[in-house]
C-alpha atoms as a PDB file:
ATOM      1  CA  MET A   1     -54.270 144.004 240.578  1.00  0.00           C
ATOM      2  CA  LYS A   2     -57.219 145.949 239.206  1.00  0.00           C
ATOM      3  CA  TYR A   3     -60.175 146.322 241.548  1.00  0.00           C
ATOM      4  CA  LEU A   4     -63.798 147.218 241.004  1.00  0.00           C
ATOM      5  CA  SER A   5     -64.916 150.373 242.781  1.00  0.00           C
ATOM      6  CA  ASN A   6     -66.278 149.768 246.300  1.00  0.00           C
ATOM      7  CA  LYS A   7     -69.799 150.431 245.055  1.00  0.00           C
ATOM      8  CA  ASN A   8     -69.576 147.885 242.218  1.00  0.00           C
ATOM      9  CA  GLY A   9     -67.677 145.268 244.211  1.00  0.00           C
ATOM     10  CA  TYR A  10     -68.727 142.710 246.806  1.00  0.00           C
ATOM     11  CA  LEU A  11     -71.060 144.288 249.448  1.00  0.00           C
ATOM     12  CA  GLY A  12     -71.479 147.498 247.389  1.00  0.00           C
ATOM     13  CA  ILE A  13     -69.792 149.710 249.972  1.00  0.00           C
ATOM     14  CA  ASP A  14     -69.859 153.493 249.453  1.00  0.00           C
ATOM     15  CA  ASN A  15     -66.916 154.704 247.372  1.00  0.00           C
ATOM     16  CA  LYS A  16     -66.235 157.392 249.999  1.00  0.00           C
ATOM     17  CA  PHE A  17     -65.352 154.702 252.522  1.00  0.00           C
ATOM     18  CA  ASN A  18     -61.590 154.298 252.588  1.00  0.00           C
ATOM     19  CA  PHE A  19     -59.867 151.199 253.982  1.00  0.00           C
ATOM     20  CA  LYS A  20     -56.785 149.064 253.583  1.00  0.00           C
ATOM     21  CA  GLU A  21     -57.892 145.687 252.238  1.00  0.00           C
ATOM     22  CA  LYS A  22     -57.186 142.396 253.969  1.00  0.00           C
ATOM     23  CA  VAL A  23     -59.427 140.350 251.654  1.00  0.00           C
ATOM     24  CA  VAL A  24     -59.536 140.066 247.875  1.00  0.00           C
ATOM     25  CA  VAL A  25     -62.680 138.638 246.262  1.00  0.00           C
ATOM     26  CA  ILE A  26     -61.937 136.924 242.933  1.00  0.00           C
ATOM     27  CA  PRO A  27     -64.868 136.381 240.528  1.00  0.00           C
ATOM     28  CA  PHE A  28     -63.994 133.240 238.569  1.00  0.00           C
ATOM     29  CA  GLY A  29     -67.022 131.941 236.683  1.00  0.00           C
ATOM     30  CA  LEU A  30     -65.416 128.851 235.161  1.00  0.00           C
ATOM     31  CA  GLU A  31     -67.989 126.558 233.548  1.00  0.00           C
ATOM     32  CA  LYS A  32     -66.355 123.732 231.665  1.00  0.00           C
ATOM     33  CA  THR A  33     -67.292 120.298 233.071  1.00  0.00           C
ATOM     34  CA  VAL A  34     -70.794 120.689 234.551  1.00  0.00           C
ATOM     35  CA  SER A  35     -72.726 117.445 234.164  1.00  0.00           C
ATOM     36  CA  TYR A  36     -76.358 118.372 234.866  1.00  0.00           C
ATOM     37  CA  GLY A  37     -77.640 121.926 235.405  1.00  0.00           C
ATOM     38  CA  THR A  38     -75.692 124.803 233.835  1.00  0.00           C
ATOM     39  CA  GLY A  39     -75.195 128.467 234.672  1.00  0.00           C
ATOM     40  CA  THR A  40     -72.267 128.486 237.124  1.00  0.00           C
ATOM     41  CA  LYS A  41     -70.492 131.035 234.908  1.00  0.00           C
ATOM     42  CA  ASN A  42     -73.089 133.567 236.085  1.00  0.00           C
ATOM     43  CA  GLY A  43     -72.595 132.732 239.765  1.00  0.00           C
ATOM     44  CA  PRO A  44     -69.979 135.385 240.671  1.00  0.00           C
ATOM     45  CA  LYS A  45     -71.866 138.238 239.006  1.00  0.00           C
ATOM     46  CA  GLU A  46     -75.122 137.352 240.785  1.00  0.00           C
ATOM     47  CA  ILE A  47     -73.403 136.833 244.155  1.00  0.00           C
ATOM     48  CA  ILE A  48     -71.857 140.304 243.936  1.00  0.00           C
ATOM     49  CA  LYS A  49     -75.181 141.828 242.865  1.00  0.00           C
ATOM     50  CA  ALA A  50     -77.037 140.130 245.759  1.00  0.00           C
ATOM     51  CA  SER A  51     -74.323 141.130 248.244  1.00  0.00           C
ATOM     52  CA  HIS A  52     -75.390 144.765 247.824  1.00  0.00           C
ATOM     53  CA  GLN A  53     -78.535 143.820 249.774  1.00  0.00           C
ATOM     54  CA  VAL A  54     -76.706 142.102 252.666  1.00  0.00           C
ATOM     55  CA  GLU A  55     -77.018 143.975 255.969  1.00  0.00           C
ATOM     56  CA  LEU A  56     -73.525 145.168 256.882  1.00  0.00           C
ATOM     57  CA  TYR A  57     -74.157 145.037 260.643  1.00  0.00           C
ATOM     58  CA  ASP A  58     -73.760 141.561 262.177  1.00  0.00           C
ATOM     59  CA  GLU A  59     -76.026 141.090 265.195  1.00  0.00           C
ATOM     60  CA  GLU A  60     -73.963 138.130 266.415  1.00  0.00           C
ATOM     61  CA  LEU A  61     -70.620 139.971 266.303  1.00  0.00           C
ATOM     62  CA  LYS A  62     -72.187 143.331 267.270  1.00  0.00           C
ATOM     63  CA  CYS A  63     -70.315 145.326 264.645  1.00  0.00           C
ATOM     64  CA  GLU A  64     -70.029 145.999 260.920  1.00  0.00           C
ATOM     65  CA  PRO A  65     -67.335 143.441 260.072  1.00  0.00           C
ATOM     66  CA  TYR A  66     -66.401 144.967 256.697  1.00  0.00           C
ATOM     67  CA  LYS A  67     -64.975 148.028 258.498  1.00  0.00           C
ATOM     68  CA  LYS A  68     -62.592 145.847 260.487  1.00  0.00           C
ATOM     69  CA  ILE A  69     -61.704 143.580 257.551  1.00  0.00           C
ATOM     70  CA  GLY A  70     -61.405 145.631 254.366  1.00  0.00           C
ATOM     71  CA  ILE A  71     -62.667 143.852 251.246  1.00  0.00           C
ATOM     72  CA  LYS A  72     -61.779 144.592 247.626  1.00  0.00           C
ATOM     73  CA  THR A  73     -63.106 142.826 244.512  1.00  0.00           C
ATOM     74  CA  LEU A  74     -60.989 142.064 241.452  1.00  0.00           C
ATOM     75  CA  LYS A  75     -62.289 143.314 238.123  1.00  0.00           C
ATOM     76  CA  PRO A  76     -63.688 140.396 236.105  1.00  0.00           C
ATOM     77  CA  PHE A  77     -61.286 139.045 233.493  1.00  0.00           C
ATOM     78  CA  LYS A  78     -61.383 136.578 230.617  1.00  0.00           C
ATOM     79  CA  ILE A  79     -61.168 132.914 231.638  1.00  0.00           C
ATOM     80  CA  ASN A  80     -59.348 130.561 229.284  1.00  0.00           C
ATOM     81  CA  LYS A  81     -61.527 127.822 227.781  1.00  0.00           C
ATOM     82  CA  ASP A  82     -58.729 125.297 228.314  1.00  0.00           C
ATOM     83  CA  ILE A  83     -59.313 124.023 231.848  1.00  0.00           C
ATOM     84  CA  LYS A  84     -55.619 123.458 232.649  1.00  0.00           C
ATOM     85  CA  LYS A  85     -54.787 127.021 231.621  1.00  0.00           C
ATOM     86  CA  ALA A  86     -57.772 128.330 233.598  1.00  0.00           C
ATOM     87  CA  LEU A  87     -56.636 126.475 236.736  1.00  0.00           C
ATOM     88  CA  LYS A  88     -53.101 127.809 236.328  1.00  0.00           C
ATOM     89  CA  LYS A  89     -54.557 131.327 236.060  1.00  0.00           C
ATOM     90  CA  ILE A  90     -56.472 131.116 239.351  1.00  0.00           C
ATOM     91  CA  GLY A  91     -53.427 129.593 241.041  1.00  0.00           C
ATOM     92  CA  ASP A  92     -51.250 132.471 239.828  1.00  0.00           C
ATOM     93  CA  ILE A  93     -53.813 135.035 241.001  1.00  0.00           C
ATOM     94  CA  ASN A  94     -53.975 133.490 244.468  1.00  0.00           C
ATOM     95  CA  GLU A  95     -50.173 133.346 244.643  1.00  0.00           C
ATOM     96  CA  ASN A  96     -49.995 137.045 243.838  1.00  0.00           C
ATOM     97  CA  ILE A  97     -52.572 137.819 246.539  1.00  0.00           C
ATOM     98  CA  LEU A  98     -50.736 135.689 249.120  1.00  0.00           C
ATOM     99  CA  ASN A  99     -47.465 137.421 248.279  1.00  0.00           C
ATOM    100  CA  LYS A 100     -49.174 140.682 249.258  1.00  0.00           C
ATOM    101  CA  LYS A 101     -50.171 139.068 252.594  1.00  0.00           C
ATOM    102  CA  LEU A 102     -53.865 139.264 251.699  1.00  0.00           C
ATOM    103  CA  PHE A 103     -56.664 136.680 252.029  1.00  0.00           C
ATOM    104  CA  PRO A 104     -58.137 135.369 248.738  1.00  0.00           C
ATOM    105  CA  ILE A 105     -61.712 134.149 248.418  1.00  0.00           C
ATOM    106  CA  VAL A 106     -62.718 132.831 244.988  1.00  0.00           C
ATOM    107  CA  LEU A 107     -66.299 132.979 243.722  1.00  0.00           C
ATOM    108  CA  GLY A 108     -67.004 130.126 241.285  1.00  0.00           C
ATOM    109  CA  GLY A 109     -67.857 128.873 238.790  1.00  0.00           C
ATOM    110  CA  GLU A 110     -67.775 125.139 239.106  1.00  0.00           C
ATOM    111  CA  HIS A 111     -65.947 123.145 241.769  1.00  0.00           C
ATOM    112  CA  SER A 112     -63.119 122.220 239.408  1.00  0.00           C
ATOM    113  CA  ILE A 113     -61.568 125.608 240.346  1.00  0.00           C
ATOM    114  CA  THR A 114     -60.412 124.315 243.742  1.00  0.00           C
ATOM    115  CA  PRO A 115     -57.280 122.322 242.736  1.00  0.00           C
ATOM    116  CA  GLY A 116     -55.990 125.435 240.960  1.00  0.00           C
ATOM    117  CA  SER A 117     -57.001 127.729 243.804  1.00  0.00           C
ATOM    118  CA  ILE A 118     -55.198 125.761 246.512  1.00  0.00           C
ATOM    119  CA  LEU A 119     -51.950 125.153 244.612  1.00  0.00           C
ATOM    120  CA  PRO A 120     -50.030 128.151 246.036  1.00  0.00           C
ATOM    121  CA  PHE A 121     -51.210 127.178 249.538  1.00  0.00           C
ATOM    122  CA  THR A 122     -49.835 123.644 249.131  1.00  0.00           C
ATOM    123  CA  LYS A 123     -46.431 125.154 248.350  1.00  0.00           C
ATOM    124  CA  ARG A 124     -46.584 127.650 251.213  1.00  0.00           C
ATOM    125  CA  TYR A 125     -47.641 125.306 254.023  1.00  0.00           C
ATOM    126  CA  LYS A 126     -45.951 122.090 255.058  1.00  0.00           C
ATOM    127  CA  LYS A 127     -49.393 120.642 255.845  1.00  0.00           C
ATOM    128  CA  LEU A 128     -52.745 121.914 254.609  1.00  0.00           C
ATOM    129  CA  CYS A 129     -56.190 120.758 255.722  1.00  0.00           C
ATOM    130  CA  LEU A 130     -59.006 121.072 253.201  1.00  0.00           C
ATOM    131  CA  LEU A 131     -62.333 121.831 254.918  1.00  0.00           C
ATOM    132  CA  HIS A 132     -64.891 120.733 252.353  1.00  0.00           C
ATOM    133  CA  PHE A 133     -68.674 121.317 252.288  1.00  0.00           C
ATOM    134  CA  ASP A 134     -70.467 119.380 249.563  1.00  0.00           C
ATOM    135  CA  ALA A 135     -73.184 116.885 248.682  1.00  0.00           C
ATOM    136  CA  HIS A 136     -70.632 114.864 246.711  1.00  0.00           C
ATOM    137  CA  ALA A 137     -67.311 113.351 247.711  1.00  0.00           C
ATOM    138  CA  ASP A 138     -65.677 114.483 244.410  1.00  0.00           C
ATOM    139  CA  LEU A 139     -63.041 111.748 244.762  1.00  0.00           C
ATOM    140  CA  ARG A 140     -63.349 110.254 241.269  1.00  0.00           C
ATOM    141  CA  GLU A 141     -60.120 109.846 239.337  1.00  0.00           C
ATOM    142  CA  SER A 142     -61.926 111.284 236.314  1.00  0.00           C
ATOM    143  CA  TYR A 143     -65.467 111.817 235.052  1.00  0.00           C
ATOM    144  CA  ASN A 144     -66.605 111.548 231.428  1.00  0.00           C
ATOM    145  CA  GLY A 145     -62.948 111.236 230.505  1.00  0.00           C
ATOM    146  CA  GLU A 146     -61.978 114.529 232.196  1.00  0.00           C
ATOM    147  CA  LYS A 147     -59.334 114.341 234.928  1.00  0.00           C
ATOM    148  CA  PHE A 148     -60.067 117.935 236.007  1.00  0.00           C
ATOM    149  CA  SER A 149     -63.846 117.478 236.231  1.00  0.00           C
ATOM    150  CA  HIS A 150     -65.856 119.058 239.045  1.00  0.00           C
ATOM    151  CA  ALA A 151     -66.515 115.439 240.126  1.00  0.00           C
ATOM    152  CA  SER A 152     -62.760 114.949 240.599  1.00  0.00           C
ATOM    153  CA  ALA A 153     -62.015 118.282 242.302  1.00  0.00           C
ATOM    154  CA  ILE A 154     -61.155 116.922 245.748  1.00  0.00           C
ATOM    155  CA  LYS A 155     -59.218 113.972 244.316  1.00  0.00           C
ATOM    156  CA  ARG A 156     -57.037 116.448 242.409  1.00  0.00           C
ATOM    157  CA  CYS A 157     -56.468 118.399 245.638  1.00  0.00           C
ATOM    158  CA  LEU A 158     -55.382 115.181 247.367  1.00  0.00           C
ATOM    159  CA  ASP A 159     -52.820 114.558 244.615  1.00  0.00           C
ATOM    160  CA  ASN A 160     -50.800 116.944 246.789  1.00  0.00           C
ATOM    161  CA  LYS A 161     -49.419 114.618 249.469  1.00  0.00           C
ATOM    162  CA  ASN A 162     -49.379 117.341 252.157  1.00  0.00           C
ATOM    163  CA  VAL A 163     -53.163 117.872 251.916  1.00  0.00           C
ATOM    164  CA  SER A 164     -55.607 116.216 254.320  1.00  0.00           C
ATOM    165  CA  LEU A 165     -59.402 116.399 254.088  1.00  0.00           C
ATOM    166  CA  ILE A 166     -62.403 116.977 256.350  1.00  0.00           C
ATOM    167  CA  SER A 167     -65.722 116.854 254.469  1.00  0.00           C
ATOM    168  CA  PHE A 168     -69.186 117.830 255.708  1.00  0.00           C
ATOM    169  CA  GLY A 169     -72.592 117.030 254.243  1.00  0.00           C
ATOM    170  CA  ILE A 170     -71.582 114.259 251.832  1.00  0.00           C
ATOM    171  CA  ARG A 171     -74.520 112.161 250.674  1.00  0.00           C
ATOM    172  CA  ASN A 172     -73.377 110.999 247.247  1.00  0.00           C
ATOM    173  CA  ILE A 173     -70.403 108.800 246.496  1.00  0.00           C
ATOM    174  CA  SER A 174     -69.793 106.362 243.639  1.00  0.00           C
ATOM    175  CA  ALA A 175     -68.575 102.781 244.011  1.00  0.00           C
ATOM    176  CA  SER A 176     -65.356 103.738 242.195  1.00  0.00           C
ATOM    177  CA  GLU A 177     -64.463 106.235 244.947  1.00  0.00           C
ATOM    178  CA  ILE A 178     -64.706 103.793 247.865  1.00  0.00           C
ATOM    179  CA  PRO A 179     -61.311 102.028 247.402  1.00  0.00           C
ATOM    180  CA  PHE A 180     -59.480 105.382 247.404  1.00  0.00           C
ATOM    181  CA  LEU A 181     -61.424 106.483 250.475  1.00  0.00           C
ATOM    182  CA  LYS A 182     -60.542 103.277 252.361  1.00  0.00           C
ATOM    183  CA  LYS A 183     -56.896 103.427 251.314  1.00  0.00           C
ATOM    184  CA  ASN A 184     -56.597 107.037 252.537  1.00  0.00           C
ATOM    185  CA  SER A 185     -58.634 106.764 255.741  1.00  0.00           C
ATOM    186  CA  LYS A 186     -55.877 108.483 257.758  1.00  0.00           C
ATOM    187  CA  ARG A 187     -55.974 111.540 255.483  1.00  0.00           C
ATOM    188  CA  ILE A 188     -59.738 111.760 255.038  1.00  0.00           C
ATOM    189  CA  LYS A 189     -62.524 112.317 257.581  1.00  0.00           C
ATOM    190  CA  ILE A 190     -66.090 112.472 256.238  1.00  0.00           C
ATOM    191  CA  TYR A 191     -69.042 113.743 258.260  1.00  0.00           C
ATOM    192  CA  TRP A 192     -71.800 112.000 256.302  1.00  0.00           C
ATOM    193  CA  ALA A 193     -75.090 113.878 256.014  1.00  0.00           C
ATOM    194  CA  LYS A 194     -77.049 110.765 257.047  1.00  0.00           C
ATOM    195  CA  ASP A 195     -75.255 110.852 260.429  1.00  0.00           C
ATOM    196  CA  LYS A 196     -75.938 114.525 261.205  1.00  0.00           C
ATOM    197  CA  LYS A 197     -77.638 113.794 264.518  1.00  0.00           C
ATOM    198  CA  LYS A 198     -74.586 111.833 265.671  1.00  0.00           C
ATOM    199  CA  TRP A 199     -71.861 114.274 264.565  1.00  0.00           C
ATOM    200  CA  ASP A 200     -69.286 114.856 267.296  1.00  0.00           C
ATOM    201  CA  LEU A 201     -68.207 118.462 266.748  1.00  0.00           C
ATOM    202  CA  ASN A 202     -65.909 118.324 269.777  1.00  0.00           C
ATOM    203  CA  LYS A 203     -63.932 115.708 267.867  1.00  0.00           C
ATOM    204  CA  PHE A 204     -63.982 118.016 264.836  1.00  0.00           C
ATOM    205  CA  ARG A 205     -62.594 120.836 266.986  1.00  0.00           C
ATOM    206  CA  LYS A 206     -59.692 118.608 268.057  1.00  0.00           C
ATOM    207  CA  LEU A 207     -59.139 117.424 264.476  1.00  0.00           C
ATOM    208  CA  ILE A 208     -58.836 120.942 263.142  1.00  0.00           C
ATOM    209  CA  LYS A 209     -57.077 122.618 266.058  1.00  0.00           C
ATOM    210  CA  ASN A 210     -54.032 124.732 265.083  1.00  0.00           C
ATOM    211  CA  LYS A 211     -54.113 123.519 261.463  1.00  0.00           C
ATOM    212  CA  ASN A 212     -53.729 125.695 258.368  1.00  0.00           C
ATOM    213  CA  VAL A 213     -57.076 125.307 256.613  1.00  0.00           C
ATOM    214  CA  TYR A 214     -58.337 126.043 253.117  1.00  0.00           C
ATOM    215  CA  LEU A 215     -62.153 126.171 253.028  1.00  0.00           C
ATOM    216  CA  THR A 216     -63.987 125.039 249.898  1.00  0.00           C
ATOM    217  CA  PHE A 217     -67.769 125.325 249.842  1.00  0.00           C
ATOM    218  CA  ASP A 218     -69.873 123.740 247.105  1.00  0.00           C
ATOM    219  CA  VAL A 219     -73.336 125.232 247.654  1.00  0.00           C
ATOM    220  CA  ASP A 220     -75.001 121.882 246.876  1.00  0.00           C
ATOM    221  CA  GLY A 221     -73.783 120.966 250.360  1.00  0.00           C
ATOM    222  CA  PHE A 222     -76.882 122.828 251.505  1.00  0.00           C
ATOM    223  CA  ASP A 223     -80.163 120.952 251.505  1.00  0.00           C
ATOM    224  CA  SER A 224     -81.960 121.386 248.175  1.00  0.00           C
ATOM    225  CA  SER A 225     -84.949 122.959 249.955  1.00  0.00           C
ATOM    226  CA  ILE A 226     -82.861 126.062 250.693  1.00  0.00           C
ATOM    227  CA  MET A 227     -80.437 125.770 247.742  1.00  0.00           C
ATOM    228  CA  PRO A 228     -81.992 124.444 244.521  1.00  0.00           C
ATOM    229  CA  ALA A 229     -79.925 126.909 242.448  1.00  0.00           C
ATOM    230  CA  THR A 230     -77.051 124.552 241.764  1.00  0.00           C
ATOM    231  CA  GLY A 231     -76.155 122.028 239.085  1.00  0.00           C
ATOM    232  CA  THR A 232     -76.900 118.945 241.188  1.00  0.00           C
ATOM    233  CA  PRO A 233     -79.282 119.846 244.055  1.00  0.00           C
ATOM    234  CA  GLU A 234     -79.576 117.094 246.660  1.00  0.00           C
ATOM    235  CA  PRO A 235     -82.028 116.516 249.525  1.00  0.00           C
ATOM    236  CA  GLY A 236     -80.781 115.592 252.983  1.00  0.00           C
ATOM    237  CA  GLY A 237     -78.156 118.333 253.240  1.00  0.00           C
ATOM    238  CA  LEU A 238     -76.941 121.088 255.536  1.00  0.00           C
ATOM    239  CA  PHE A 239     -79.062 123.924 256.887  1.00  0.00           C
ATOM    240  CA  TRP A 240     -77.982 127.480 257.659  1.00  0.00           C
ATOM    241  CA  ASP A 241     -77.395 127.443 261.432  1.00  0.00           C
ATOM    242  CA  GLU A 242     -75.563 124.105 261.559  1.00  0.00           C
ATOM    243  CA  THR A 243     -73.344 125.216 258.669  1.00  0.00           C
ATOM    244  CA  LEU A 244     -72.392 128.449 260.425  1.00  0.00           C
ATOM    245  CA  ASN A 245     -71.629 126.517 263.603  1.00  0.00           C
ATOM    246  CA  ILE A 246     -69.068 124.344 261.780  1.00  0.00           C
ATOM    247  CA  ILE A 247     -67.408 127.370 260.155  1.00  0.00           C
ATOM    248  CA  LYS A 248     -67.386 129.146 263.514  1.00  0.00           C
ATOM    249  CA  ILE A 249     -65.536 126.245 265.151  1.00  0.00           C
ATOM    250  CA  ALA A 250     -63.008 126.157 262.299  1.00  0.00           C
ATOM    251  CA  SER A 251     -62.453 129.919 262.552  1.00  0.00           C
ATOM    252  CA  LYS A 252     -61.951 129.802 266.289  1.00  0.00           C
ATOM    253  CA  TYR A 253     -59.583 126.833 266.502  1.00  0.00           C
ATOM    254  CA  SER A 254     -57.698 126.763 263.183  1.00  0.00           C
ATOM    255  CA  ASN A 255     -56.039 129.202 260.806  1.00  0.00           C
ATOM    256  CA  ILE A 256     -58.214 129.591 257.704  1.00  0.00           C
ATOM    257  CA  VAL A 257     -55.809 130.776 255.006  1.00  0.00           C
ATOM    258  CA  GLY A 258     -58.055 130.987 251.929  1.00  0.00           C
ATOM    259  CA  ALA A 259     -61.431 129.938 250.561  1.00  0.00           C
ATOM    260  CA  ASP A 260     -63.651 129.387 247.562  1.00  0.00           C
ATOM    261  CA  VAL A 261     -67.435 129.205 247.239  1.00  0.00           C
ATOM    262  CA  ASN A 262     -68.694 127.539 244.100  1.00  0.00           C
ATOM    263  CA  GLU A 263     -71.454 125.857 242.055  1.00  0.00           C
ATOM    264  CA  LEU A 264     -74.168 128.537 242.324  1.00  0.00           C
ATOM    265  CA  SER A 265     -76.289 128.331 239.154  1.00  0.00           C
ATOM    266  CA  PRO A 266     -78.608 131.336 239.450  1.00  0.00           C
ATOM    267  CA  ILE A 267     -82.299 130.868 238.677  1.00  0.00           C
ATOM    268  CA  LYS A 268     -83.909 133.923 237.086  1.00  0.00           C
ATOM    269  CA  GLY A 269     -86.391 135.556 239.436  1.00  0.00           C
ATOM    270  CA  PHE A 270     -85.208 133.656 242.540  1.00  0.00           C
ATOM    271  CA  ASN A 271     -82.716 136.070 244.055  1.00  0.00           C
ATOM    272  CA  SER A 272     -82.991 134.583 247.551  1.00  0.00           C
ATOM    273  CA  TYR A 273     -80.559 131.795 246.571  1.00  0.00           C
ATOM    274  CA  ASN A 274     -77.971 134.284 245.337  1.00  0.00           C
ATOM    275  CA  PHE A 275     -78.483 136.266 248.535  1.00  0.00           C
ATOM    276  CA  LEU A 276     -77.930 133.170 250.704  1.00  0.00           C
ATOM    277  CA  VAL A 277     -74.519 132.609 249.074  1.00  0.00           C
ATOM    278  CA  ALA A 278     -73.602 136.314 249.347  1.00  0.00           C
ATOM    279  CA  LYS A 279     -74.421 136.278 253.068  1.00  0.00           C
ATOM    280  CA  LEU A 280     -72.565 132.982 253.584  1.00  0.00           C
ATOM    281  CA  ILE A 281     -69.409 134.596 252.185  1.00  0.00           C
ATOM    282  CA  TYR A 282     -69.794 137.594 254.526  1.00  0.00           C
ATOM    283  CA  LYS A 283     -70.156 135.172 257.459  1.00  0.00           C
ATOM    284  CA  ILE A 284     -67.066 133.178 256.433  1.00  0.00           C
ATOM    285  CA  LEU A 285     -64.993 136.366 256.263  1.00  0.00           C
ATOM    286  CA  SER A 286     -66.466 137.776 259.483  1.00  0.00           C
ATOM    287  CA  TYR A 287     -65.749 134.598 261.446  1.00  0.00           C
ATOM    288  CA  LYS A 288     -62.259 134.310 259.970  1.00  0.00           C
ATOM    289  CA  PHE A 289     -61.191 137.818 260.953  1.00  0.00           C
ATOM    290  CA  LEU A 290     -63.335 138.409 264.051  1.00  0.00           C
ATOM    291  CA  SER A 291     -63.314 134.952 265.713  1.00  0.00           C
ATOM    292  CA  LYS A 292     -62.147 136.555 268.995  1.00  0.00           C
ATOM    293  CA  LEU A 293     -65.540 138.247 269.255  1.00  0.00           C
ATOM    294  CA  LEU A 294     -67.425 134.929 269.179  1.00  0.00           C
END
């Protein structure tokens, strides 16, 4: 695996700092099936650039998490225009990383990356729980004739019979998705955005306890007032503190084995949105590896 230098990689750490990596950041700006706003191919580059401004000290954890974790960033590489070949590529990369006993986190690109990203995990674990943050259920069988559309990403993940699903922030679902949802009610738990005030996070803690979890985060899960830089921004979504609380619970009570963060479409001149995603990733990694400090 070829890495960027510390300084050019995620967080922009000084090249003099030497550490053994536990985490590999994979820039994977796939943009093939977006259906409204475009620009997700530029997401990884802008996340990495913004991450150089993230404060390395975490006031909640009272340390500089990167020193305890060790984070390396893969050098960007060409992504095949054929979506099936692109998904196989990200699956192979993650398999290679897992074989080295490292933690992969993929920076998208569009949400269609997730079925490829989780494939090696579905082979490695008898049961895998997908923890999904999104505005959309993404349970369509296909969209605009494309089976591997971003709108079908979670449905493709559930094609693997050993995958279950917990979704947060959903506020968009099509009529065609409802029959599948009802038929698979034992495999799928949705925390609808409209019910935020009634969410029982103690029940969530029990649901996720001791499970192997893959975390997929579509940034349109955030409310559009704090995250308009995405292909399909939606009002009525998640805010920063409540999002971190959910990830914190998952980190403390389950085994998060891999992750992807996707669907950032950078807006020129509005770096705060890129920064939000860069900091979210640092929080995910910090909670995953330092949950005992919480």
